[in-house]
Amino acid sequence: MALLSAAALALTAGCSSSSGGPGGSRTSGATGATTAASPSAVPSPTVSPPPAEGSAKVVSTLTTGLDSPWGLAVLPGGDLLVSSRDEGTVTRVDAKTGGKTLLGSVPGVSPAGEGGLLGLAVSATYGADHQVYAYFTTESDNRIARMVYDERRPAGEQLGAPDTILRGIPKGAVHNGGRIAFGPDRMLYAGTGETGDDGLAQDEDSLAGKILRMTPDGEPVHGNPEADSVVYSPGHRNVQGLAWDGGKRLWASEFGQDTWDELNLVEPGGNYGWPEVEGLAPKGAGGDFIDPVAQWKTAEASPSGIAYAKGSVWMAGLRGERLWRIPLSGSAKEPLAKPQAFLEGTYGRLRTVAAAGGDKLWVVTGNTDGRGDPKPGDDRILLVEVE
């Protein structure tokens, strides 16, 4: 296991409604549970391992002047969709010129604290349905909805009415999770938080403090640990990043509390220990919990989005104000070498990372979220070349 040590510091970073059980309440258009192959926890990757030491260099600044950016999704043609947590809007950014076009606002978003318009994902069948998915906080809960994106309509009016596919995810002033992504199996995954109520992470009847896996309609998938539930793994404090490596293994970044932030290799049904364990479980702790693959002192990370590129997981740090590289080693759970930090303190808080193809990443800063120190031009999207 790869560990990083530093002085221990407390973590400071950080539509209709109805309630739902373990599977949540869904729209009437849902068609029932769908069969899909369950992703293997540790398949054999087909990619060569990366070098032990890498590099990261900012090539250019794509755009500036973003307000509380949070979610980032890449359209099939390469342009970007970015959400504003506090404004509740979605903006398209031209990947070549950086020009911005407002798609519109998402109805029902109620921003407060760490809640608001959070993760975005583009449908796995976008070419046929032009659906954009969003995870957001309302007055009563967190939920996931999809909207048709029609770029032929006037700017500001390009998003259709939201179709809620999953509701009843608990909300809080903190720890709302919010990252969503379509996996290699074309199913939708979501990371949730325990809203500051520790017990919800181990509560089998709650969607809080979990990683969820569902069909594009928000239904449980056969192959999930429980056939009638979208819960994929419990015991998480606040999942902020989801990404798959070259072997289709799922990785997740997670906020710790006072001691350890985590990068986890996610196994279906695996329990990741919160609140019983933070970071590596001490010997004799008891409980069938899965240890993180890597851990950091909270001052060094407070991790948010992650992406996979060039054989490594790349992890954005909020409080840590740096980009972490975690080189992976084939099918082994342990990293190939110690994680490396880049861009430390140069651009402030880093919120989101997305693969830009080949050796490039998109990195979104997060200095206008109320906890940063915004500089002229913040927030911005950076194009970073990595090895």
Protein backbone atom coordinates (compact mmCIF):
# COMPACT_ATOMS: atom_id res chain seq x y z
CA MET A 1 0.00 0.00 0.00
CA ALA A 2 1.18 3.48 -0.80
CA LEU A 3 1.09 5.93 2.07
CA LEU A 4 1.91 9.58 2.28
CA SER A 5 2.71 11.15 5.66
CA ALA A 6 2.55 14.74 6.88
CA ALA A 7 1.42 16.65 9.95
CA ALA A 8 -2.16 15.76 10.80
CA LEU A 9 -4.50 18.62 10.08
CA ALA A 10 -8.29 18.71 10.27
CA LEU A 11 -10.20 18.72 7.00
CA THR A 12 -11.72 22.11 6.32
CA ALA A 13 -12.33 21.77 2.64
CA GLY A 14 -14.45 20.20 1.82
CA CYS A 15 -38.73 18.45 -10.13
CA SER A 16 -40.98 16.80 -7.66
CA SER A 17 -39.84 15.30 -4.43
CA SER A 18 -40.52 12.05 -2.69
CA SER A 19 -38.58 9.67 -0.51
CA GLY A 20 -37.05 6.44 -1.67
CA GLY A 21 -35.74 3.26 -0.14
CA PRO A 22 -32.60 1.41 -1.08
CA GLY A 23 -33.48 1.58 -4.77
CA GLY A 24 -34.88 5.09 -4.56
CA SER A 25 -38.11 6.32 -6.16
CA ARG A 26 -38.03 6.53 -9.94
CA THR A 27 -40.13 8.08 -12.65
CA SER A 28 -43.11 6.19 -14.00
CA GLY A 29 -41.34 5.70 -17.32
CA ALA A 30 -38.80 3.27 -15.83
CA THR A 31 -39.13 -0.21 -17.21
CA GLY A 32 -37.86 -2.43 -14.41
CA ALA A 33 -34.56 -4.03 -13.59
CA THR A 34 -32.26 -4.56 -16.55
CA THR A 35 -29.69 -7.27 -17.00
CA ALA A 36 -26.12 -6.16 -17.55
CA ALA A 37 -22.85 -7.91 -17.00
CA SER A 38 -21.47 -7.16 -13.57
CA PRO A 39 -18.07 -5.48 -13.92
CA SER A 40 -15.29 -7.62 -12.57
CA ALA A 41 -13.59 -6.17 -9.51
CA VAL A 42 -10.07 -6.92 -10.78
CA PRO A 43 -9.96 -7.89 -14.49
CA SER A 44 -6.58 -8.23 -16.20
CA PRO A 45 -5.59 -4.91 -17.75
CA THR A 46 -4.26 -5.01 -21.32
CA VAL A 47 -2.14 -1.86 -21.02
CA SER A 48 1.54 -1.60 -20.23
CA PRO A 49 2.42 -0.15 -16.83
CA PRO A 50 3.48 3.51 -16.77
CA PRO A 51 6.92 4.74 -15.71
CA ALA A 52 7.43 5.03 -11.98
CA GLU A 53 7.91 8.79 -12.29
CA GLY A 54 5.79 10.99 -14.52
CA SER A 55 5.21 14.61 -15.39
CA ALA A 56 2.42 17.16 -15.75
CA LYS A 57 2.71 20.46 -17.61
CA VAL A 58 0.01 23.05 -18.28
CA VAL A 59 -0.14 23.55 -22.05
CA SER A 60 -2.77 26.28 -22.11
CA THR A 61 -5.71 27.86 -20.35
CA LEU A 62 -8.83 26.99 -22.33
CA THR A 63 -11.24 29.40 -20.65
CA THR A 64 -11.62 31.67 -17.64
CA GLY A 65 -14.36 33.39 -15.66
CA LEU A 66 -16.29 30.32 -14.52
CA ASP A 67 -18.42 30.60 -11.36
CA SER A 68 -18.27 27.69 -8.89
CA PRO A 69 -17.58 25.05 -11.58
CA TRP A 70 -18.15 21.48 -10.40
CA GLY A 71 -19.18 18.86 -12.95
CA LEU A 72 -17.42 18.35 -16.28
CA ALA A 73 -18.49 16.13 -19.18
CA VAL A 74 -16.90 15.71 -22.60
CA LEU A 75 -19.19 15.69 -25.65
CA PRO A 76 -18.46 13.23 -28.48
CA GLY A 77 -16.89 15.99 -30.59
CA GLY A 78 -14.56 17.02 -27.76
CA ASP A 79 -16.31 20.16 -26.47
CA LEU A 80 -16.96 20.37 -22.73
CA LEU A 81 -20.05 20.80 -20.58
CA VAL A 82 -19.44 22.37 -17.18
CA SER A 83 -21.91 22.88 -14.34
CA SER A 84 -22.03 25.82 -11.96
CA ARG A 85 -22.79 24.50 -8.49
CA ASP A 86 -24.16 27.79 -7.14
CA GLU A 87 -25.81 29.20 -10.28
CA GLY A 88 -27.44 25.92 -11.28
CA THR A 89 -26.46 26.37 -14.92
CA VAL A 90 -24.75 24.27 -17.59
CA THR A 91 -22.32 25.89 -20.04
CA ARG A 92 -20.71 24.50 -23.17
CA VAL A 93 -17.05 25.35 -23.72
CA ASP A 94 -15.51 25.06 -27.18
CA ALA A 95 -12.49 22.77 -26.82
CA LYS A 96 -10.50 24.76 -29.41
CA THR A 97 -11.40 28.39 -28.79
CA GLY A 98 -12.65 28.35 -25.19
CA GLY A 99 -15.81 30.14 -26.26
CA LYS A 100 -18.72 29.67 -23.85
CA THR A 101 -22.40 29.06 -24.64
CA LEU A 102 -25.00 28.91 -21.89
CA LEU A 103 -27.23 25.87 -22.33
CA GLY A 104 -29.60 26.88 -19.55
CA SER A 105 -30.53 26.39 -15.92
CA VAL A 106 -31.59 23.12 -14.30
CA PRO A 107 -34.99 23.60 -12.62
CA GLY A 108 -35.25 22.61 -8.97
CA VAL A 109 -31.61 23.14 -7.99
CA SER A 110 -31.32 24.51 -4.46
CA PRO A 111 -27.68 25.51 -3.84
CA ALA A 112 -26.50 25.76 -0.25
CA GLY A 113 -23.30 24.73 1.49
CA GLU A 114 -21.72 21.94 -0.55
CA GLY A 115 -24.97 21.27 -2.42
CA GLY A 116 -26.22 22.57 -5.76
CA LEU A 117 -25.74 21.51 -9.36
CA LEU A 118 -22.93 18.96 -9.09
CA GLY A 119 -21.92 16.16 -11.46
CA LEU A 120 -22.63 15.92 -15.19
CA ALA A 121 -22.49 12.95 -17.54
CA VAL A 122 -23.20 12.53 -21.24
CA SER A 123 -25.38 9.57 -22.18
CA ALA A 124 -23.55 6.47 -23.40
CA THR A 125 -25.90 6.66 -26.42
CA TYR A 126 -25.64 10.42 -26.87
CA GLY A 127 -25.54 10.21 -30.66
CA ALA A 128 -29.06 8.78 -30.64
CA ASP A 129 -30.71 10.49 -27.66
CA HIS A 130 -28.73 13.72 -26.91
CA GLN A 131 -29.28 13.16 -23.19
CA VAL A 132 -27.24 14.97 -20.52
CA TYR A 133 -27.42 13.65 -16.95
CA ALA A 134 -27.06 15.83 -13.84
CA TYR A 135 -26.76 15.15 -10.10
CA PHE A 136 -28.16 18.01 -8.04
CA THR A 137 -29.48 19.13 -4.67
CA THR A 138 -33.12 20.19 -4.29
CA GLU A 139 -35.03 21.55 -1.30
CA SER A 140 -35.70 17.96 -0.16
CA ASP A 141 -32.99 15.63 -1.47
CA ASN A 142 -30.21 14.93 -3.94
CA ARG A 143 -31.34 13.39 -7.21
CA ILE A 144 -30.28 12.47 -10.72
CA ALA A 145 -32.14 13.69 -13.78
CA ARG A 146 -31.59 13.65 -17.52
CA MET A 147 -32.33 16.37 -20.05
CA VAL A 148 -32.35 16.52 -23.82
CA TYR A 149 -29.72 18.95 -25.11
CA ASP A 150 -30.88 20.67 -28.31
CA GLU A 151 -28.11 22.97 -29.55
CA ARG A 152 -30.39 24.26 -32.34
CA ARG A 153 -32.38 26.24 -29.79
CA PRO A 154 -31.34 29.73 -28.63
CA ALA A 155 -28.59 29.99 -26.04
CA GLY A 156 -30.00 29.66 -22.54
CA GLU A 157 -32.92 27.55 -23.79
CA GLN A 158 -31.13 24.44 -25.00
CA LEU A 159 -31.91 22.08 -22.09
CA GLY A 160 -35.20 20.21 -22.07
CA ALA A 161 -37.28 19.58 -18.97
CA PRO A 162 -35.51 17.31 -16.46
CA ASP A 163 -36.69 13.71 -16.29
CA THR A 164 -35.85 12.48 -12.78
CA ILE A 165 -34.49 8.93 -12.85
CA LEU A 166 -33.45 8.62 -9.19
CA ARG A 167 -34.56 10.63 -6.17
CA GLY A 168 -34.36 10.25 -2.42
CA ILE A 169 -30.59 10.52 -2.02
CA PRO A 170 -30.19 12.26 1.37
CA LYS A 171 -28.91 15.86 1.32
CA GLY A 172 -26.96 17.89 3.84
CA ALA A 173 -25.07 21.14 4.26
CA VAL A 174 -21.93 19.05 3.58
CA HIS A 175 -21.03 15.70 2.00
CA ASN A 176 -23.52 15.51 -0.83
CA GLY A 177 -21.23 13.46 -3.07
CA GLY A 178 -22.30 14.31 -6.60
CA ARG A 179 -19.97 12.67 -9.12
CA ILE A 180 -21.70 10.68 -11.88
CA ALA A 181 -20.22 8.79 -14.83
CA PHE A 182 -21.12 6.10 -17.34
CA GLY A 183 -18.92 3.03 -16.99
CA PRO A 184 -17.50 0.68 -19.63
CA ASP A 185 -20.63 -1.44 -19.09
CA ARG A 186 -22.74 1.58 -20.20
CA MET A 187 -24.37 1.73 -16.78
CA LEU A 188 -24.57 4.95 -14.75
CA TYR A 189 -22.53 5.21 -11.54
CA ALA A 190 -22.93 7.84 -8.81
CA GLY A 191 -20.93 8.71 -5.70
CA THR A 192 -22.91 9.95 -2.71
CA GLY A 193 -21.98 11.39 0.68
CA GLU A 194 -23.26 10.65 4.18
CA THR A 195 -24.43 14.29 4.62
CA GLY A 196 -22.53 14.59 7.92
CA ASP A 197 -24.61 11.80 9.48
CA ASP A 198 -21.95 9.09 9.90
CA GLY A 199 -24.38 6.24 10.44
CA LEU A 200 -25.93 6.55 6.99
CA ALA A 201 -22.81 5.14 5.31
CA GLN A 202 -23.47 1.72 6.89
CA ASP A 203 -27.29 1.98 6.74
CA GLU A 204 -28.52 -0.59 4.23
CA ASP A 205 -31.75 1.36 3.79
CA SER A 206 -30.06 4.63 2.82
CA LEU A 207 -28.53 5.78 -0.47
CA ALA A 208 -26.14 8.05 1.44
CA GLY A 209 -22.43 7.22 1.78
CA LYS A 210 -22.53 4.80 -1.14
CA ILE A 211 -21.47 4.21 -4.71
CA LEU A 212 -24.55 3.51 -6.83
CA ARG A 213 -24.87 1.61 -10.12
CA MET A 214 -27.99 1.84 -12.23
CA THR A 215 -29.37 1.61 -15.75
CA PRO A 216 -29.75 4.83 -17.76
CA ASP A 217 -33.38 4.78 -16.53
CA GLY A 218 -32.29 4.70 -12.87
CA GLU A 219 -33.16 1.05 -12.29
CA PRO A 220 -31.12 -1.55 -10.37
CA VAL A 221 -28.89 -3.71 -12.53
CA HIS A 222 -28.75 -7.50 -12.25
CA GLY A 223 -25.20 -8.09 -11.11
CA ASN A 224 -25.44 -5.51 -8.34
CA PRO A 225 -24.89 -6.95 -4.84
CA GLU A 226 -28.67 -6.81 -4.25
CA ALA A 227 -30.88 -7.37 -7.28
CA ASP A 228 -33.49 -4.82 -6.17
CA SER A 229 -31.06 -2.04 -5.17
CA VAL A 230 -28.86 0.46 -6.96
CA VAL A 231 -26.31 0.30 -4.11
CA TYR A 232 -22.97 -0.97 -5.43
CA SER A 233 -20.73 -0.41 -2.38
CA PRO A 234 -21.31 1.04 1.14
CA GLY A 235 -19.11 2.58 3.82
CA HIS A 236 -18.08 5.81 2.07
CA ARG A 237 -17.79 9.22 3.72
CA ASN A 238 -18.02 11.48 0.66
CA VAL A 239 -17.19 10.10 -2.78
CA GLN A 240 -15.92 12.86 -5.08
CA GLY A 241 -14.33 11.12 -8.06
CA LEU A 242 -15.03 8.08 -10.27
CA ALA A 243 -12.84 6.69 -13.06
CA TRP A 244 -12.04 3.38 -14.80
CA ASP A 245 -8.55 2.22 -15.69
CA GLY A 246 -7.37 0.33 -18.77
CA GLY A 247 -8.56 -2.95 -17.23
CA LYS A 248 -12.06 -1.51 -16.61
CA ARG A 249 -11.52 -1.40 -12.84
CA LEU A 250 -13.44 1.30 -10.97
CA TRP A 251 -11.52 3.78 -8.82
CA ALA A 252 -13.02 6.32 -6.41
CA SER A 253 -11.60 9.25 -4.45
CA GLU A 254 -13.03 10.04 -1.04
CA PHE A 255 -12.82 12.80 1.57
CA GLY A 256 -11.53 11.71 4.94
CA GLN A 257 -12.34 13.53 8.15
CA ASP A 258 -9.37 14.59 10.29
CA THR A 259 -6.70 12.12 9.28
CA TRP A 260 -6.79 10.32 5.92
CA ASP A 261 -8.18 10.98 2.46
CA GLU A 262 -8.48 7.91 0.26
CA LEU A 263 -8.21 6.43 -3.22
CA ASN A 264 -10.16 3.18 -3.38
CA LEU A 265 -10.34 0.33 -5.87
CA VAL A 266 -14.05 -0.43 -5.82
CA GLU A 267 -15.37 -3.97 -5.64
CA PRO A 268 -19.10 -4.69 -5.93
CA GLY A 269 -20.47 -5.24 -2.44
CA GLY A 270 -17.20 -4.24 -0.80
CA ASN A 271 -17.53 -2.23 2.41
CA TYR A 272 -15.11 0.70 2.66
CA GLY A 273 -15.38 1.13 6.40
CA TRP A 274 -16.66 4.61 7.20
CA PRO A 275 -17.31 5.56 9.98
CA GLU A 276 -15.64 2.58 11.67
CA VAL A 277 -12.36 3.12 9.82
CA GLU A 278 -10.68 6.14 8.23
CA GLY A 279 -7.82 5.19 5.93
CA LEU A 280 -6.02 1.90 6.54
CA ALA A 281 -7.66 -0.18 9.22
CA PRO A 282 -5.41 -0.69 12.25
CA LYS A 283 -4.46 -4.24 13.06
CA GLY A 284 -7.13 -5.99 15.06
CA ALA A 285 -9.77 -3.36 14.20
CA GLY A 286 -12.26 -6.02 13.20
CA GLY A 287 -14.89 -5.74 10.51
CA ASP A 288 -14.64 -6.96 6.95
CA PHE A 289 -13.58 -3.62 5.50
CA ILE A 290 -11.54 -2.92 2.35
CA ASP A 291 -8.44 -0.75 2.81
CA PRO A 292 -7.72 2.17 0.47
CA VAL A 293 -5.05 1.65 -2.16
CA ALA A 294 -3.49 5.00 -1.24
CA GLN A 295 -4.10 7.56 1.49
CA TRP A 296 -3.09 11.15 2.15
CA LYS A 297 -3.17 13.55 5.06
CA THR A 298 -6.15 15.83 4.53
CA ALA A 299 -3.95 18.94 4.14
CA GLU A 300 -2.26 17.30 1.14
CA ALA A 301 -5.35 16.29 -0.78
CA SER A 302 -9.03 16.77 0.10
CA PRO A 303 -9.55 14.97 -3.21
CA SER A 304 -12.20 15.78 -5.77
CA GLY A 305 -12.41 14.55 -9.37
CA ILE A 306 -10.21 11.82 -10.82
CA ALA A 307 -9.39 10.65 -14.34
CA TYR A 308 -7.35 7.87 -15.93
CA ALA A 309 -4.64 8.64 -18.51
CA LYS A 310 -1.26 7.23 -19.51
CA GLY A 311 -1.51 4.32 -17.08
CA SER A 312 -2.14 6.47 -14.00
CA VAL A 313 -5.02 7.81 -11.96
CA TRP A 314 -4.87 11.62 -11.79
CA MET A 315 -6.57 13.16 -8.75
CA ALA A 316 -7.48 16.80 -8.15
CA GLY A 317 -6.80 18.23 -4.69
CA LEU A 318 -8.94 20.99 -3.20
CA ARG A 319 -7.33 21.87 0.10
CA GLY A 320 -4.09 20.32 -1.14
CA GLU A 321 -4.10 22.59 -4.24
CA ARG A 322 -2.27 20.05 -6.37
CA LEU A 323 -2.70 17.34 -8.97
CA TRP A 324 -1.75 13.86 -7.80
CA ARG A 325 -0.46 11.12 -10.10
CA ILE A 326 -0.97 7.53 -8.90
CA PRO A 327 0.78 5.11 -11.33
CA LEU A 328 -1.00 1.78 -11.59
CA SER A 329 0.68 -1.60 -11.82
CA GLY A 330 -1.20 -4.02 -14.02
CA SER A 331 -3.80 -6.04 -12.14
CA ALA A 332 -2.18 -5.43 -8.75
CA LYS A 333 -4.03 -3.30 -6.23
CA GLU A 334 -0.96 -1.44 -5.05
CA PRO A 335 0.35 1.50 -7.10
CA LEU A 336 3.49 0.95 -9.15
CA ALA A 337 5.27 3.66 -7.17
CA LYS A 338 4.63 6.44 -4.66
CA PRO A 339 2.11 9.04 -5.83
CA GLN A 340 3.58 12.28 -7.17
CA ALA A 341 2.24 15.81 -6.78
CA PHE A 342 2.21 18.45 -9.53
CA LEU A 343 1.00 22.07 -9.90
CA GLU A 344 1.26 22.48 -6.13
CA GLY A 345 -0.16 25.84 -5.07
CA THR A 346 0.11 27.23 -8.62
CA TYR A 347 -3.57 27.39 -9.57
CA GLY A 348 -5.23 27.12 -6.16
CA ARG A 349 -7.92 24.56 -5.47
CA LEU A 350 -8.42 21.90 -8.16
CA ARG A 351 -11.96 20.55 -8.48
CA THR A 352 -12.34 18.30 -11.51
CA VAL A 353 -10.18 16.27 -13.91
CA ALA A 354 -11.25 14.67 -17.19
CA ALA A 355 -9.35 12.75 -19.84
CA ALA A 356 -8.81 14.83 -22.99
CA GLY A 357 -7.41 12.01 -25.11
CA GLY A 358 -3.90 10.61 -25.36
CA ASP A 359 -1.53 12.38 -22.98
CA LYS A 360 -3.85 15.30 -22.20
CA LEU A 361 -6.16 16.13 -19.29
CA TRP A 362 -8.71 18.85 -18.64
CA VAL A 363 -8.29 20.28 -15.13
CA VAL A 364 -10.88 22.63 -13.61
CA THR A 365 -9.96 24.95 -10.75
CA GLY A 366 -12.28 25.49 -7.77
CA ASN A 367 -11.42 28.83 -6.20
CA THR A 368 -14.87 30.47 -6.38
CA ASP A 369 -16.58 27.85 -4.22
CA GLY A 370 -16.46 29.97 -1.06
CA ARG A 371 -13.37 28.24 0.34
CA GLY A 372 -10.75 29.40 -2.10
CA ASP A 373 -8.85 32.60 -2.73
CA PRO A 374 -9.97 33.64 -6.23
CA LYS A 375 -7.46 35.36 -8.48
CA PRO A 376 -8.33 37.40 -11.59
CA GLY A 377 -9.66 34.99 -14.21
CA ASP A 378 -10.84 32.31 -11.79
CA ASP A 379 -12.23 29.85 -12.24
CA ARG A 380 -10.56 28.34 -15.28
CA ILE A 381 -10.13 25.16 -17.32
CA LEU A 382 -6.54 24.09 -17.96
CA LEU A 383 -5.20 21.75 -20.64
CA VAL A 384 -2.47 19.64 -19.05
CA GLU A 385 0.02 17.34 -20.79
CA VAL A 386 0.92 14.31 -18.68
CA GLU A 387 3.20 11.30 -18.67
